[in-house]
Each structure stands twice: as structure tokens, then as C-alpha cells.
PDB file of N, CA and C in Angstrom:
ATOM      1  N   MET A   1       0.843  -1.210   0.000  1.00  0.00           N
ATOM      2  CA  MET A   1       0.023  -0.009   0.015  1.00  0.00           C
ATOM      3  C   MET A   1       0.886   1.273   0.011  1.00  0.00           C
ATOM      4  N   GLU A   2       2.003   1.218   0.715  1.00  0.00           N
ATOM      5  CA  GLU A   2       2.808   2.443   0.760  1.00  0.00           C
ATOM      6  C   GLU A   2       3.322   2.838  -0.575  1.00  0.00           C
ATOM      7  N   ASN A   3       3.676   1.842  -1.400  1.00  0.00           N
ATOM      8  CA  ASN A   3       4.229   2.177  -2.734  1.00  0.00           C
ATOM      9  C   ASN A   3       3.149   2.862  -3.524  1.00  0.00           C
ATOM     10  N   ASN A   4       1.905   2.421  -3.467  1.00  0.00           N
ATOM     11  CA  ASN A   4       0.788   3.045  -4.143  1.00  0.00           C
ATOM     12  C   ASN A   4       0.607   4.435  -3.698  1.00  0.00           C
ATOM     13  N   LEU A   5       0.719   4.683  -2.370  1.00  0.00           N
ATOM     14  CA  LEU A   5       0.495   6.025  -1.854  1.00  0.00           C
ATOM     15  C   LEU A   5       1.576   6.968  -2.380  1.00  0.00           C
ATOM     16  N   MET A   6       2.884   6.479  -2.292  1.00  0.00           N
ATOM     17  CA  MET A   6       3.940   7.307  -2.711  1.00  0.00           C
ATOM     18  C   MET A   6       3.800   7.651  -4.190  1.00  0.00           C
ATOM     19  N   ALA A   7       3.477   6.699  -5.004  1.00  0.00           N
ATOM     20  CA  ALA A   7       3.387   6.922  -6.412  1.00  0.00           C
ATOM     21  C   ALA A   7       2.188   7.934  -6.751  1.00  0.00           C
ATOM     22  N   LYS A   8       1.157   7.768  -5.931  1.00  0.00           N
ATOM     23  CA  LYS A   8      -0.026   8.721  -6.192  1.00  0.00           C
ATOM     24  C   LYS A   8       0.359  10.154  -5.981  1.00  0.00           C
ATOM     25  N   HIS A   9       1.264  10.467  -5.031  1.00  0.00           N
ATOM     26  CA  HIS A   9       1.607  11.775  -4.692  1.00  0.00           C
ATOM     27  C   HIS A   9       2.968  12.225  -5.232  1.00  0.00           C
ATOM     28  N   GLY A  10       3.484  11.542  -6.232  1.00  0.00           N
ATOM     29  CA  GLY A  10       4.730  11.940  -6.860  1.00  0.00           C
ATOM     30  C   GLY A  10       6.001  11.414  -6.254  1.00  0.00           C
ATOM     31  N   GLY A  11       5.906  10.644  -5.190  1.00  0.00           N
ATOM     32  CA  GLY A  11       7.089  10.042  -4.585  1.00  0.00           C
ATOM     33  C   GLY A  11       8.030  11.116  -4.036  1.00  0.00           C
ATOM     34  N   LEU A  12       9.117  10.568  -3.495  1.00  0.00           N
ATOM     35  CA  LEU A  12      10.117  11.486  -2.930  1.00  0.00           C
ATOM     36  C   LEU A  12      11.112  11.943  -3.998  1.00  0.00           C
ATOM     37  N   SER A  13      11.527  13.175  -3.967  1.00  0.00           N
ATOM     38  CA  SER A  13      12.379  13.644  -5.049  1.00  0.00           C
ATOM     39  C   SER A  13      13.695  13.018  -5.167  1.00  0.00           C
ATOM     40  N   ASP A  14      14.162  12.384  -3.998  1.00  0.00           N
ATOM     41  CA  ASP A  14      15.490  11.736  -4.085  1.00  0.00           C
ATOM     42  C   ASP A  14      15.481  10.314  -3.531  1.00  0.00           C
ATOM     43  N   GLY A  15      14.304   9.677  -3.568  1.00  0.00           N
ATOM     44  CA  GLY A  15      14.196   8.295  -3.245  1.00  0.00           C
ATOM     45  C   GLY A  15      14.152   8.030  -1.741  1.00  0.00           C
ATOM     46  N   GLY A  16      14.181   9.144  -0.963  1.00  0.00           N
ATOM     47  CA  GLY A  16      14.016   8.967   0.483  1.00  0.00           C
ATOM     48  C   GLY A  16      15.353   8.906   1.169  1.00  0.00           C
ATOM     49  N   VAL A  17      16.443   9.017   0.545  1.00  0.00           N
ATOM     50  CA  VAL A  17      17.744   9.000   1.132  1.00  0.00           C
ATOM     51  C   VAL A  17      18.317  10.405   1.140  1.00  0.00           C
ATOM     52  N   GLY A  18      18.796  10.788   2.361  1.00  0.00           N
ATOM     53  CA  GLY A  18      19.342  12.121   2.458  1.00  0.00           C
ATOM     54  C   GLY A  18      18.344  13.276   2.046  1.00  0.00           C
ATOM     55  N   LEU A  19      17.167  13.194   2.576  1.00  0.00           N
ATOM     56  CA  LEU A  19      16.143  14.183   2.185  1.00  0.00           C
ATOM     57  C   LEU A  19      16.631  15.595   2.393  1.00  0.00           C
ATOM     58  N   THR A  20      16.376  16.468   1.479  1.00  0.00           N
ATOM     59  CA  THR A  20      16.681  17.852   1.638  1.00  0.00           C
ATOM     60  C   THR A  20      15.406  18.637   1.477  1.00  0.00           C
ATOM     61  N   GLY A  21      15.420  19.856   1.826  1.00  0.00           N
ATOM     62  CA  GLY A  21      14.249  20.706   1.721  1.00  0.00           C
ATOM     63  C   GLY A  21      13.946  21.470   2.928  1.00  0.00           C
ATOM     64  N   GLU A  22      12.730  21.953   3.036  1.00  0.00           N
ATOM     65  CA  GLU A  22      12.389  22.721   4.171  1.00  0.00           C
ATOM     66  C   GLU A  22      12.204  21.813   5.399  1.00  0.00           C
ATOM     67  N   THR A  23      12.437  22.329   6.551  1.00  0.00           N
ATOM     68  CA  THR A  23      12.219  21.615   7.765  1.00  0.00           C
ATOM     69  C   THR A  23      10.936  22.045   8.358  1.00  0.00           C
ATOM     70  N   LEU A  24      10.041  21.157   8.591  1.00  0.00           N
ATOM     71  CA  LEU A  24       8.783  21.439   9.296  1.00  0.00           C
ATOM     72  C   LEU A  24       9.115  21.887  10.705  1.00  0.00           C
ATOM     73  N   LYS A  25       8.388  22.840  11.171  1.00  0.00           N
ATOM     74  CA  LYS A  25       8.540  23.260  12.566  1.00  0.00           C
ATOM     75  C   LYS A  25       8.408  22.085  13.482  1.00  0.00           C
ATOM     76  N   LEU A  26       7.346  21.316  13.310  1.00  0.00           N
ATOM     77  CA  LEU A  26       7.098  20.152  14.186  1.00  0.00           C
ATOM     78  C   LEU A  26       5.952  19.387  13.675  1.00  0.00           C
ATOM     79  N   THR A  27       6.063  18.079  13.820  1.00  0.00           N
ATOM     80  CA  THR A  27       4.969  17.182  13.589  1.00  0.00           C
ATOM     81  C   THR A  27       4.716  16.487  14.908  1.00  0.00           C
ATOM     82  N   GLU A  28       3.487  16.501  15.434  1.00  0.00           N
ATOM     83  CA  GLU A  28       3.181  15.906  16.719  1.00  0.00           C
ATOM     84  C   GLU A  28       2.174  14.810  16.593  1.00  0.00           C
ATOM     85  N   LEU A  29       2.333  13.794  17.437  1.00  0.00           N
ATOM     86  CA  LEU A  29       1.353  12.717  17.494  1.00  0.00           C
ATOM     87  C   LEU A  29       0.909  12.479  18.886  1.00  0.00           C
ATOM     88  N   ARG A  30      -0.422  12.486  19.056  1.00  0.00           N
ATOM     89  CA  ARG A  30      -1.033  12.359  20.460  1.00  0.00           C
ATOM     90  C   ARG A  30      -2.145  11.355  20.465  1.00  0.00           C
ATOM     91  N   GLY A  31      -2.652  11.153  21.642  1.00  0.00           N
ATOM     92  CA  GLY A  31      -3.790  10.243  21.828  1.00  0.00           C
ATOM     93  C   GLY A  31      -3.533   8.761  21.528  1.00  0.00           C
ATOM     94  N   GLY A  32      -2.253   8.413  21.650  1.00  0.00           N
ATOM     95  CA  GLY A  32      -1.857   6.960  21.409  1.00  0.00           C
ATOM     96  C   GLY A  32      -1.213   6.785  20.125  1.00  0.00           C
ATOM     97  N   LEU A  33      -1.309   7.701  19.174  1.00  0.00           N
ATOM     98  CA  LEU A  33      -0.611   7.514  17.845  1.00  0.00           C
ATOM     99  C   LEU A  33       0.860   7.440  17.977  1.00  0.00           C
ATOM    100  N   GLU A  34       1.353   8.098  19.076  1.00  0.00           N
ATOM    101  CA  GLU A  34       2.820   8.096  19.161  1.00  0.00           C
ATOM    102  C   GLU A  34       3.387   6.668  19.295  1.00  0.00           C
ATOM    103  N   MET A  35       2.575   5.703  19.747  1.00  0.00           N
ATOM    104  CA  MET A  35       3.021   4.350  19.873  1.00  0.00           C
ATOM    105  C   MET A  35       3.333   3.733  18.547  1.00  0.00           C
ATOM    106  N   LEU A  36       2.747   4.214  17.483  1.00  0.00           N
ATOM    107  CA  LEU A  36       3.068   3.750  16.099  1.00  0.00           C
ATOM    108  C   LEU A  36       4.413   4.314  15.589  1.00  0.00           C
ATOM    109  N   PHE A  37       4.861   5.377  16.219  1.00  0.00           N
ATOM    110  CA  PHE A  37       6.051   6.109  15.783  1.00  0.00           C
ATOM    111  C   PHE A  37       7.129   6.130  16.847  1.00  0.00           C
ATOM    112  N   SER A  38       7.474   4.854  17.258  1.00  0.00           N
ATOM    113  CA  SER A  38       8.549   4.646  18.300  1.00  0.00           C
ATOM    114  C   SER A  38       8.369   5.498  19.592  1.00  0.00           C
ATOM    115  N   ASP A  39       7.097   5.587  19.999  1.00  0.00           N
ATOM    116  CA  ASP A  39       6.713   6.285  21.256  1.00  0.00           C
ATOM    117  C   ASP A  39       7.270   7.703  21.339  1.00  0.00           C
ATOM    118  N   GLN A  40       7.477   8.338  20.134  1.00  0.00           N
ATOM    119  CA  GLN A  40       7.964   9.773  20.148  1.00  0.00           C
ATOM    120  C   GLN A  40       6.743  10.575  19.777  1.00  0.00           C
ATOM    121  N   ARG A  41       6.466  11.585  20.568  1.00  0.00           N
ATOM    122  CA  ARG A  41       5.351  12.475  20.280  1.00  0.00           C
ATOM    123  C   ARG A  41       5.690  13.590  19.277  1.00  0.00           C
ATOM    124  N   GLN A  42       6.978  14.005  19.255  1.00  0.00           N
ATOM    125  CA  GLN A  42       7.406  15.096  18.429  1.00  0.00           C
ATOM    126  C   GLN A  42       8.381  14.612  17.363  1.00  0.00           C
ATOM    127  N   HIS A  43       8.254  15.041  16.197  1.00  0.00           N
ATOM    128  CA  HIS A  43       9.141  14.710  15.108  1.00  0.00           C
ATOM    129  C   HIS A  43       9.458  15.989  14.338  1.00  0.00           C
ATOM    130  N   LYS A  44      10.699  16.311  14.285  1.00  0.00           N
ATOM    131  CA  LYS A  44      11.136  17.429  13.360  1.00  0.00           C
ATOM    132  C   LYS A  44      11.619  16.774  12.125  1.00  0.00           C
ATOM    133  N   LEU A  45      10.947  17.152  11.003  1.00  0.00           N
ATOM    134  CA  LEU A  45      11.279  16.418   9.722  1.00  0.00           C
ATOM    135  C   LEU A  45      11.758  17.385   8.692  1.00  0.00           C
ATOM    136  N   ALA A  46      12.673  16.908   7.867  1.00  0.00           N
ATOM    137  CA  ALA A  46      13.202  17.583   6.702  1.00  0.00           C
ATOM    138  C   ALA A  46      12.539  16.892   5.534  1.00  0.00           C
ATOM    139  N   ILE A  47      11.688  17.566   4.777  1.00  0.00           N
ATOM    140  CA  ILE A  47      11.022  16.969   3.617  1.00  0.00           C
ATOM    141  C   ILE A  47      11.285  17.917   2.461  1.00  0.00           C
ATOM    142  N   PRO A  48      11.241  17.426   1.207  1.00  0.00           N
ATOM    143  CA  PRO A  48      11.364  18.285   0.123  1.00  0.00           C
ATOM    144  C   PRO A  48      10.303  19.309   0.010  1.00  0.00           C
ATOM    145  N   ALA A  49      10.581  20.529  -0.480  1.00  0.00           N
ATOM    146  CA  ALA A  49       9.579  21.522  -0.633  1.00  0.00           C
ATOM    147  C   ALA A  49       8.618  21.154  -1.836  1.00  0.00           C
ATOM    148  N   HIS A  50       9.204  20.374  -2.758  1.00  0.00           N
ATOM    149  CA  HIS A  50       8.347  20.001  -3.940  1.00  0.00           C
ATOM    150  C   HIS A  50       8.610  18.545  -4.187  1.00  0.00           C
ATOM    151  N   ASP A  51       7.638  17.850  -4.767  1.00  0.00           N
ATOM    152  CA  ASP A  51       7.729  16.457  -5.146  1.00  0.00           C
ATOM    153  C   ASP A  51       8.486  16.339  -6.437  1.00  0.00           C
ATOM    154  N   LYS A  52       8.641  15.096  -6.924  1.00  0.00           N
ATOM    155  CA  LYS A  52       9.448  14.923  -8.095  1.00  0.00           C
ATOM    156  C   LYS A  52       8.854  15.547  -9.411  1.00  0.00           C
ATOM    157  N   ASP A  53       7.587  15.872  -9.351  1.00  0.00           N
ATOM    158  CA  ASP A  53       6.972  16.531 -10.458  1.00  0.00           C
ATOM    159  C   ASP A  53       6.934  18.100 -10.338  1.00  0.00           C
ATOM    160  N   GLY A  54       7.631  18.587  -9.295  1.00  0.00           N
ATOM    161  CA  GLY A  54       7.723  19.983  -9.018  1.00  0.00           C
ATOM    162  C   GLY A  54       6.527  20.625  -8.324  1.00  0.00           C
ATOM    163  N   LYS A  55       5.634  19.827  -7.884  1.00  0.00           N
ATOM    164  CA  LYS A  55       4.482  20.365  -7.181  1.00  0.00           C
ATOM    165  C   LYS A  55       4.781  20.495  -5.763  1.00  0.00           C
ATOM    166  N   PRO A  56       4.241  21.561  -5.010  1.00  0.00           N
ATOM    167  CA  PRO A  56       4.492  21.681  -3.570  1.00  0.00           C
ATOM    168  C   PRO A  56       3.952  20.474  -2.799  1.00  0.00           C
ATOM    169  N   VAL A  57       4.679  20.063  -1.840  1.00  0.00           N
ATOM    170  CA  VAL A  57       4.246  18.937  -1.053  1.00  0.00           C
ATOM    171  C   VAL A  57       3.034  19.330  -0.223  1.00  0.00           C
ATOM    172  N   THR A  58       2.154  18.286   0.013  1.00  0.00           N
ATOM    173  CA  THR A  58       0.891  18.521   0.696  1.00  0.00           C
ATOM    174  C   THR A  58       0.854  17.647   1.958  1.00  0.00           C
ATOM    175  N   ILE A  59      -0.264  17.783   2.668  1.00  0.00           N
ATOM    176  CA  ILE A  59      -0.499  16.911   3.872  1.00  0.00           C
ATOM    177  C   ILE A  59      -0.558  15.474   3.418  1.00  0.00           C
ATOM    178  N   ALA A  60      -1.169  15.181   2.255  1.00  0.00           N
ATOM    179  CA  ALA A  60      -1.218  13.809   1.757  1.00  0.00           C
ATOM    180  C   ALA A  60       0.182  13.230   1.626  1.00  0.00           C
ATOM    181  N   TYR A  61       1.065  14.127   1.076  1.00  0.00           N
ATOM    182  CA  TYR A  61       2.524  13.657   0.953  1.00  0.00           C
ATOM    183  C   TYR A  61       3.096  13.372   2.259  1.00  0.00           C
ATOM    184  N   LEU A  62       2.875  14.276   3.256  1.00  0.00           N
ATOM    185  CA  LEU A  62       3.356  14.087   4.603  1.00  0.00           C
ATOM    186  C   LEU A  62       2.895  12.795   5.238  1.00  0.00           C
ATOM    187  N   ILE A  63       1.613  12.466   5.106  1.00  0.00           N
ATOM    188  CA  ILE A  63       1.050  11.264   5.577  1.00  0.00           C
ATOM    189  C   ILE A  63       1.757  10.046   4.958  1.00  0.00           C
ATOM    190  N   ASP A  64       1.924  10.108   3.707  1.00  0.00           N
ATOM    191  CA  ASP A  64       2.669   9.006   3.002  1.00  0.00           C
ATOM    192  C   ASP A  64       4.069   8.873   3.529  1.00  0.00           C
ATOM    193  N   TYR A  65       4.698  10.053   3.687  1.00  0.00           N
ATOM    194  CA  TYR A  65       6.090  10.084   4.132  1.00  0.00           C
ATOM    195  C   TYR A  65       6.211   9.478   5.563  1.00  0.00           C
ATOM    196  N   LEU A  66       5.298   9.893   6.462  1.00  0.00           N
ATOM    197  CA  LEU A  66       5.288   9.328   7.779  1.00  0.00           C
ATOM    198  C   LEU A  66       5.083   7.853   7.798  1.00  0.00           C
ATOM    199  N   CYS A  67       4.206   7.342   6.983  1.00  0.00           N
ATOM    200  CA  CYS A  67       3.992   5.890   6.939  1.00  0.00           C
ATOM    201  C   CYS A  67       5.242   5.173   6.341  1.00  0.00           C
ATOM    202  N   GLN A  68       5.814   5.730   5.338  1.00  0.00           N
ATOM    203  CA  GLN A  68       6.976   5.045   4.634  1.00  0.00           C
ATOM    204  C   GLN A  68       8.203   5.164   5.405  1.00  0.00           C
ATOM    205  N   TYR A  69       8.592   6.263   6.067  1.00  0.00           N
ATOM    206  CA  TYR A  69       9.876   6.522   6.636  1.00  0.00           C
ATOM    207  C   TYR A  69       9.950   6.738   8.181  1.00  0.00           C
ATOM    208  N   VAL A  70       8.910   7.080   8.769  1.00  0.00           N
ATOM    209  CA  VAL A  70       8.974   7.456  10.169  1.00  0.00           C
ATOM    210  C   VAL A  70       8.276   6.342  11.050  1.00  0.00           C
ATOM    211  N   MET A  71       7.213   5.791  10.624  1.00  0.00           N
ATOM    212  CA  MET A  71       6.430   4.840  11.351  1.00  0.00           C
ATOM    213  C   MET A  71       7.265   3.507  11.382  1.00  0.00           C
ATOM    214  N   LYS A  72       7.511   3.020  12.606  1.00  0.00           N
ATOM    215  CA  LYS A  72       8.218   1.785  12.770  1.00  0.00           C
ATOM    216  C   LYS A  72       7.356   0.606  13.022  1.00  0.00           C
ATOM    217  N   ASP A  73       6.110   0.894  13.482  1.00  0.00           N
ATOM    218  CA  ASP A  73       5.070  -0.168  13.719  1.00  0.00           C
ATOM    219  C   ASP A  73       4.522  -0.628  12.417  1.00  0.00           C
ATOM    220  N   ASN A  74       4.213  -1.909  12.367  1.00  0.00           N
ATOM    221  CA  ASN A  74       3.648  -2.544  11.127  1.00  0.00           C
ATOM    222  C   ASN A  74       2.156  -2.337  10.966  1.00  0.00           C
ATOM    223  N   ARG A  75       1.512  -1.751  11.926  1.00  0.00           N
ATOM    224  CA  ARG A  75       0.105  -1.575  11.911  1.00  0.00           C
ATOM    225  C   ARG A  75      -0.335  -0.252  11.256  1.00  0.00           C
ATOM    226  N   LYS A  76       0.028  -0.041  10.005  1.00  0.00           N
ATOM    227  CA  LYS A  76      -0.203   1.273   9.350  1.00  0.00           C
ATOM    228  C   LYS A  76      -1.720   1.506   9.239  1.00  0.00           C
ATOM    229  N   GLU A  77      -2.494   0.456   9.294  1.00  0.00           N
ATOM    230  CA  GLU A  77      -3.981   0.661   9.186  1.00  0.00           C
ATOM    231  C   GLU A  77      -4.561   1.375  10.369  1.00  0.00           C
ATOM    232  N   LEU A  78      -3.776   1.513  11.460  1.00  0.00           N
ATOM    233  CA  LEU A  78      -4.255   2.333  12.615  1.00  0.00           C
ATOM    234  C   LEU A  78      -4.067   3.812  12.329  1.00  0.00           C
ATOM    235  N   PHE A  79      -3.299   4.162  11.273  1.00  0.00           N
ATOM    236  CA  PHE A  79      -3.059   5.521  10.929  1.00  0.00           C
ATOM    237  C   PHE A  79      -3.744   5.906   9.555  1.00  0.00           C
ATOM    238  N   VAL A  80      -3.704   5.005   8.607  1.00  0.00           N
ATOM    239  CA  VAL A  80      -4.334   5.308   7.330  1.00  0.00           C
ATOM    240  C   VAL A  80      -5.285   4.184   6.963  1.00  0.00           C
ATOM    241  N   LEU A  81      -6.353   4.532   6.188  1.00  0.00           N
ATOM    242  CA  LEU A  81      -7.326   3.558   5.753  1.00  0.00           C
ATOM    243  C   LEU A  81      -7.722   4.007   4.320  1.00  0.00           C
ATOM    244  N   ASP A  82      -7.603   3.037   3.436  1.00  0.00           N
ATOM    245  CA  ASP A  82      -7.923   3.359   2.032  1.00  0.00           C
ATOM    246  C   ASP A  82      -7.213   4.611   1.454  1.00  0.00           C
ATOM    247  N   GLU A  83      -5.922   4.684   1.782  1.00  0.00           N
ATOM    248  CA  GLU A  83      -5.032   5.784   1.298  1.00  0.00           C
ATOM    249  C   GLU A  83      -5.373   7.145   1.847  1.00  0.00           C
ATOM    250  N   HIS A  84      -6.078   7.170   2.928  1.00  0.00           N
ATOM    251  CA  HIS A  84      -6.435   8.528   3.615  1.00  0.00           C
ATOM    252  C   HIS A  84      -6.249   8.386   5.117  1.00  0.00           C
ATOM    253  N   ILE A  85      -6.145   9.483   5.760  1.00  0.00           N
ATOM    254  CA  ILE A  85      -5.985   9.450   7.163  1.00  0.00           C
ATOM    255  C   ILE A  85      -7.242   8.704   7.779  1.00  0.00           C
ATOM    256  N   ARG A  86      -7.010   7.890   8.768  1.00  0.00           N
ATOM    257  CA  ARG A  86      -8.089   7.053   9.359  1.00  0.00           C
ATOM    258  C   ARG A  86      -9.134   7.911   9.986  1.00  0.00           C
ATOM    259  N   PRO A  87     -10.446   7.601   9.912  1.00  0.00           N
ATOM    260  CA  PRO A  87     -11.504   8.280  10.647  1.00  0.00           C
ATOM    261  C   PRO A  87     -11.193   8.170  12.110  1.00  0.00           C
ATOM    262  N   GLY A  88     -11.460   9.223  12.911  1.00  0.00           N
ATOM    263  CA  GLY A  88     -11.153   9.243  14.274  1.00  0.00           C
ATOM    264  C   GLY A  88      -9.811   9.853  14.660  1.00  0.00           C
ATOM    265  N   ILE A  89      -9.079  10.327  13.601  1.00  0.00           N
ATOM    266  CA  ILE A  89      -7.827  11.057  13.824  1.00  0.00           C
ATOM    267  C   ILE A  89      -8.085  12.492  13.488  1.00  0.00           C
ATOM    268  N   LEU A  90      -7.908  13.330  14.429  1.00  0.00           N
ATOM    269  CA  LEU A  90      -7.984  14.810  14.305  1.00  0.00           C
ATOM    270  C   LEU A  90      -6.717  15.315  13.750  1.00  0.00           C
ATOM    271  N   VAL A  91      -6.775  16.193  12.693  1.00  0.00           N
ATOM    272  CA  VAL A  91      -5.530  16.756  12.216  1.00  0.00           C
ATOM    273  C   VAL A  91      -5.624  18.246  12.290  1.00  0.00           C
ATOM    274  N   LEU A  92      -4.588  18.888  13.025  1.00  0.00           N
ATOM    275  CA  LEU A  92      -4.566  20.346  13.176  1.00  0.00           C
ATOM    276  C   LEU A  92      -3.345  20.818  12.431  1.00  0.00           C
ATOM    277  N   ILE A  93      -3.546  21.876  11.682  1.00  0.00           N
ATOM    278  CA  ILE A  93      -2.439  22.564  10.969  1.00  0.00           C
ATOM    279  C   ILE A  93      -2.336  23.985  11.645  1.00  0.00           C
ATOM    280  N   ASN A  94      -1.212  24.181  12.330  1.00  0.00           N
ATOM    281  CA  ASN A  94      -1.026  25.521  13.082  1.00  0.00           C
ATOM    282  C   ASN A  94      -2.225  25.771  13.904  1.00  0.00           C
ATOM    283  N   ASP A  95      -2.717  24.763  14.691  1.00  0.00           N
ATOM    284  CA  ASP A  95      -3.801  24.849  15.653  1.00  0.00           C
ATOM    285  C   ASP A  95      -5.157  25.066  14.996  1.00  0.00           C
ATOM    286  N   ALA A  96      -5.269  24.903  13.678  1.00  0.00           N
ATOM    287  CA  ALA A  96      -6.583  25.057  12.975  1.00  0.00           C
ATOM    288  C   ALA A  96      -6.958  23.632  12.454  1.00  0.00           C
ATOM    289  N   ASP A  97      -8.247  23.296  12.524  1.00  0.00           N
ATOM    290  CA  ASP A  97      -8.689  22.056  11.958  1.00  0.00           C
ATOM    291  C   ASP A  97      -8.409  21.948  10.476  1.00  0.00           C
ATOM    292  N   TRP A  98      -7.898  20.859  10.018  1.00  0.00           N
ATOM    293  CA  TRP A  98      -7.395  20.745   8.643  1.00  0.00           C
ATOM    294  C   TRP A  98      -8.596  20.859   7.623  1.00  0.00           C
ATOM    295  N   GLU A  99      -9.787  20.712   8.088  1.00  0.00           N
ATOM    296  CA  GLU A  99     -10.934  20.800   7.248  1.00  0.00           C
ATOM    297  C   GLU A  99     -11.062  22.345   6.754  1.00  0.00           C
ATOM    298  N   LEU A 100     -10.599  23.204   7.528  1.00  0.00           N
ATOM    299  CA  LEU A 100     -10.582  24.644   7.255  1.00  0.00           C
ATOM    300  C   LEU A 100      -9.434  25.005   6.269  1.00  0.00           C
ATOM    301  N   GLU A 101      -8.423  24.096   6.125  1.00  0.00           N
ATOM    302  CA  GLU A 101      -7.226  24.440   5.406  1.00  0.00           C
ATOM    303  C   GLU A 101      -7.188  23.606   4.057  1.00  0.00           C
ATOM    304  N   GLY A 102      -8.190  22.750   3.816  1.00  0.00           N
ATOM    305  CA  GLY A 102      -8.139  21.993   2.580  1.00  0.00           C
ATOM    306  C   GLY A 102      -7.754  20.590   2.750  1.00  0.00           C
ATOM    307  N   GLU A 103      -7.750  20.055   3.980  1.00  0.00           N
ATOM    308  CA  GLU A 103      -7.428  18.713   4.310  1.00  0.00           C
ATOM    309  C   GLU A 103      -6.130  18.228   3.674  1.00  0.00           C
ATOM    310  N   GLU A 104      -6.207  17.112   2.950  1.00  0.00           N
ATOM    311  CA  GLU A 104      -4.983  16.505   2.408  1.00  0.00           C
ATOM    312  C   GLU A 104      -4.351  17.352   1.277  1.00  0.00           C
ATOM    313  N   SER A 105      -5.077  18.256   0.743  1.00  0.00           N
ATOM    314  CA  SER A 105      -4.534  19.103  -0.365  1.00  0.00           C
ATOM    315  C   SER A 105      -3.814  20.289   0.195  1.00  0.00           C
ATOM    316  N   TYR A 106      -3.802  20.534   1.430  1.00  0.00           N
ATOM    317  CA  TYR A 106      -3.064  21.732   1.968  1.00  0.00           C
ATOM    318  C   TYR A 106      -1.583  21.669   1.649  1.00  0.00           C
ATOM    319  N   GLU A 107      -1.054  22.736   1.102  1.00  0.00           N
ATOM    320  CA  GLU A 107       0.352  22.784   0.740  1.00  0.00           C
ATOM    321  C   GLU A 107       1.214  23.193   2.012  1.00  0.00           C
ATOM    322  N   ILE A 108       2.111  22.329   2.388  1.00  0.00           N
ATOM    323  CA  ILE A 108       2.934  22.483   3.580  1.00  0.00           C
ATOM    324  C   ILE A 108       3.847  23.660   3.432  1.00  0.00           C
ATOM    325  N   GLN A 109       3.910  24.516   4.479  1.00  0.00           N
ATOM    326  CA  GLN A 109       4.881  25.601   4.599  1.00  0.00           C
ATOM    327  C   GLN A 109       5.986  25.156   5.496  1.00  0.00           C
ATOM    328  N   GLY A 110       7.117  25.740   5.389  1.00  0.00           N
ATOM    329  CA  GLY A 110       8.328  25.364   6.167  1.00  0.00           C
ATOM    330  C   GLY A 110       8.154  25.412   7.651  1.00  0.00           C
ATOM    331  N   ASN A 111       7.375  26.337   8.158  1.00  0.00           N
ATOM    332  CA  ASN A 111       7.322  26.416   9.640  1.00  0.00           C
ATOM    333  C   ASN A 111       5.986  25.875  10.165  1.00  0.00           C
ATOM    334  N   ASP A 112       5.245  25.031   9.464  1.00  0.00           N
ATOM    335  CA  ASP A 112       4.030  24.555   9.899  1.00  0.00           C
ATOM    336  C   ASP A 112       4.152  23.574  11.107  1.00  0.00           C
ATOM    337  N   ASN A 113       3.205  23.654  11.955  1.00  0.00           N
ATOM    338  CA  ASN A 113       3.037  22.697  13.055  1.00  0.00           C
ATOM    339  C   ASN A 113       1.886  21.786  12.771  1.00  0.00           C
ATOM    340  N   ILE A 114       2.128  20.538  12.559  1.00  0.00           N
ATOM    341  CA  ILE A 114       1.097  19.581  12.086  1.00  0.00           C
ATOM    342  C   ILE A 114       0.904  18.614  13.280  1.00  0.00           C
ATOM    343  N   LEU A 115      -0.332  18.577  13.794  1.00  0.00           N
ATOM    344  CA  LEU A 115      -0.671  17.685  14.977  1.00  0.00           C
ATOM    345  C   LEU A 115      -1.732  16.652  14.543  1.00  0.00           C
ATOM    346  N   PHE A 116      -1.396  15.405  14.833  1.00  0.00           N
ATOM    347  CA  PHE A 116      -2.316  14.265  14.633  1.00  0.00           C
ATOM    348  C   PHE A 116      -2.692  13.732  15.972  1.00  0.00           C
ATOM    349  N   VAL A 117      -4.024  13.687  16.218  1.00  0.00           N
ATOM    350  CA  VAL A 117      -4.529  13.234  17.512  1.00  0.00           C
ATOM    351  C   VAL A 117      -5.596  12.176  17.246  1.00  0.00           C
ATOM    352  N   SER A 118      -5.392  10.988  17.889  1.00  0.00           N
ATOM    353  CA  SER A 118      -6.413   9.988  17.866  1.00  0.00           C
ATOM    354  C   SER A 118      -7.512  10.365  18.861  1.00  0.00           C
ATOM    355  N   THR A 119      -8.721  10.430  18.418  1.00  0.00           N
ATOM    356  CA  THR A 119      -9.810  10.762  19.285  1.00  0.00           C
ATOM    357  C   THR A 119     -10.580   9.505  19.729  1.00  0.00           C
ATOM    358  N   LEU A 120     -10.112   8.327  19.277  1.00  0.00           N
ATOM    359  CA  LEU A 120     -10.746   7.073  19.674  1.00  0.00           C
ATOM    360  C   LEU A 120      -9.838   6.385  20.695  1.00  0.00           C
ATOM    361  N   HIS A 121     -10.482   5.950  21.734  1.00  0.00           N
ATOM    362  CA  HIS A 121      -9.698   5.267  22.810  1.00  0.00           C
ATOM    363  C   HIS A 121     -10.471   4.044  23.295  1.00  0.00           C
ATOM    364  N   GLY A 122      -9.785   3.050  23.612  1.00  0.00           N
ATOM    365  CA  GLY A 122     -10.414   1.805  24.157  1.00  0.00           C
ATOM    366  C   GLY A 122     -10.940   2.111  25.557  1.00  0.00           C
ATOM    367  N   GLY A 123     -11.751   1.170  26.019  1.00  0.00           N
ATOM    368  CA  GLY A 123     -12.286   1.466  27.335  1.00  0.00           C
ATOM    369  C   GLY A 123     -12.913   0.195  27.958  1.00  0.00           C
TER     370      GLY A 123
END
């Protein structure tokens, strides 16, 4: 599935090795999602400013990147479902709901703070 996701969004401009580009201010994972990412809540990422087709990278690209290169857990279906962020995960871009910013099509800026929060908890 990851290969399909990466192909859909233009892939990484340099194959994922020695990524260069803008550094995101911060990507945060809360509500249990951090367990999928080596129990780290905060990730400072360097991703290309543009994909291999020259288009600005988007949240969809970031989600693919996180799954492909940052997530160490094999249970990717807890983060993505049918090539989209899983229902029950709140995404905030600079403290604003991503629905107000264009969701997956939002073009990432270098100093963005992206927060992923699972709103579903067992009980």
C-alpha cells in the first residue's frame, strides 16, 4: 500500500535517502498515535519543498512520508485507511482544523506545526 501512496503523490524527489528541503517546525502525534512512531510524540522532519513533479508537497504527501519512513510499527492501518487518514484522527495545521485548510490538499509551509490526535480510545 505504501508504494501506491507514494506513487499517487509523486514520490520522494530523491528516493528517500538524504532528504533535503524545508524543515517542518514540528509534527506531533497524540492520543496513542505516538506508539506507532517509536513512542515519540514530536518529530522534526526535513522533507522536500516539492515532489518529483515540481508540485508543492501537501499533507497527503506528509502522511505518506510518515508511513513510509517514520512509522516503525507494522500496523499502518491504525493511521491510514484506503489511502487516507483514518477516521477518528483529528489533524490540526497550526492549531486550525485541517478541514478549514483544505485537508490533504493543504500545501505544507516550512514552519508549519502539524498535529495528529487519535480521538478514539479503548475502554
